[in-house]
Amino acid sequence: MAETGFIPLSERNSFWPTVIKRHVTNATVRHQAGSMPQLSRLIQVRRLRFFGHVARMDTSLDITRALKVSIRGLTKDWRRSSS
């Protein structure tokens, strides 16, 4: 077997490729990939950006009303409109 971990085609016993059995930790992958932002931080930034867009929308739109309800909660006398 070569130093790379691969077996040449001529030495393989079956049709299926040989799997390299080398464990690589997450820390090693992150180090090799460079300084990528954390996923949780990326999601937070995009949610806040979306919130800014929705907060500036017309107050009569359903999405703006839903945002306000999610922040303040429903009022005690809330009822579904008949329309």
Protein backbone atom coordinates (compact mmCIF):
# COMPACT_ATOMS: atom_id res chain seq x y z
CA MET A 1 0.00 0.00 0.00
CA ALA A 2 1.27 3.47 -0.86
CA GLU A 3 1.81 6.20 1.74
CA THR A 4 -1.33 8.03 0.60
CA GLY A 5 -3.59 5.28 1.90
CA PHE A 6 -4.89 4.27 -1.53
CA ILE A 7 -4.52 0.81 -3.00
CA PRO A 8 -3.70 0.77 -6.75
CA LEU A 9 -6.44 -0.62 -8.99
CA SER A 10 -4.29 -3.59 -9.92
CA GLU A 11 -4.03 -4.67 -6.25
CA ARG A 12 -7.71 -4.26 -5.31
CA ASN A 13 -9.74 -7.41 -4.74
CA SER A 14 -13.16 -5.95 -5.52
CA PHE A 15 -14.92 -3.40 -7.64
CA TRP A 16 -15.65 -1.03 -4.72
CA PRO A 17 -13.08 1.68 -3.91
CA THR A 18 -11.01 1.44 -0.77
CA VAL A 19 -12.07 3.73 2.05
CA ILE A 20 -9.36 5.68 3.84
CA LYS A 21 -9.77 5.05 7.55
CA ARG A 22 -8.30 8.17 9.03
CA HIS A 23 -10.20 10.12 11.66
CA VAL A 24 -10.10 13.90 11.27
CA THR A 25 -11.38 16.01 14.14
CA ASN A 26 -13.69 18.99 13.72
CA ALA A 27 -10.99 21.25 15.11
CA THR A 28 -8.60 20.10 12.39
CA VAL A 29 -11.17 20.74 9.67
CA ARG A 30 -11.92 24.24 11.03
CA HIS A 31 -8.21 25.01 11.23
CA GLN A 32 -7.58 23.88 7.65
CA ALA A 33 -10.62 25.78 6.35
CA GLY A 34 -9.41 29.04 7.81
CA SER A 35 -11.33 31.63 9.77
CA MET A 36 -14.93 30.94 8.84
CA PRO A 37 -17.66 32.62 10.88
CA GLN A 38 -19.53 30.45 13.33
CA LEU A 39 -22.83 29.23 11.97
CA SER A 40 -24.77 30.52 14.99
CA ARG A 41 -23.32 34.01 14.48
CA LEU A 42 -24.13 33.94 10.77
CA ILE A 43 -27.75 32.96 11.51
CA GLN A 44 -28.03 35.72 14.12
CA VAL A 45 -26.77 38.38 11.71
CA ARG A 46 -29.16 37.29 8.96
CA ARG A 47 -32.14 37.16 11.34
CA LEU A 48 -31.39 40.67 12.57
CA ARG A 49 -31.04 41.92 8.99
CA PHE A 50 -34.43 40.36 8.11
CA PHE A 51 -35.94 41.87 11.27
CA GLY A 52 -34.74 45.30 10.14
CA HIS A 53 -36.46 44.88 6.78
CA VAL A 54 -39.72 43.73 8.36
CA ALA A 55 -39.67 46.43 11.05
CA ARG A 56 -39.54 49.15 8.36
CA MET A 57 -42.42 47.69 6.32
CA ASP A 58 -45.93 49.16 6.19
CA THR A 59 -47.78 48.41 9.44
CA SER A 60 -50.85 47.14 7.58
CA LEU A 61 -48.96 44.16 6.14
CA ASP A 62 -49.54 40.79 7.76
CA ILE A 63 -45.83 40.12 8.30
CA THR A 64 -45.42 43.36 10.28
CA ARG A 65 -48.47 42.57 12.38
CA ALA A 66 -47.17 39.04 13.05
CA LEU A 67 -43.81 40.46 14.13
CA LYS A 68 -45.47 42.83 16.60
CA VAL A 69 -47.59 40.01 18.02
CA SER A 70 -44.54 37.80 18.45
CA ILE A 71 -42.80 40.56 20.41
CA ARG A 72 -45.70 41.83 22.54
CA GLY A 73 -47.98 38.80 22.58
CA LEU A 74 -51.69 38.70 21.85
CA THR A 75 -54.02 41.05 23.70
CA LYS A 76 -56.63 39.63 26.09
CA ASP A 77 -59.53 40.65 23.82
CA TRP A 78 -57.94 39.29 20.63
CA ARG A 79 -60.35 37.67 18.18
CA ARG A 80 -59.89 36.39 14.67
CA SER A 81 -61.39 38.77 12.12
CA SER A 82 -64.42 37.50 10.16
CA SER A 83 -63.04 38.66 6.81
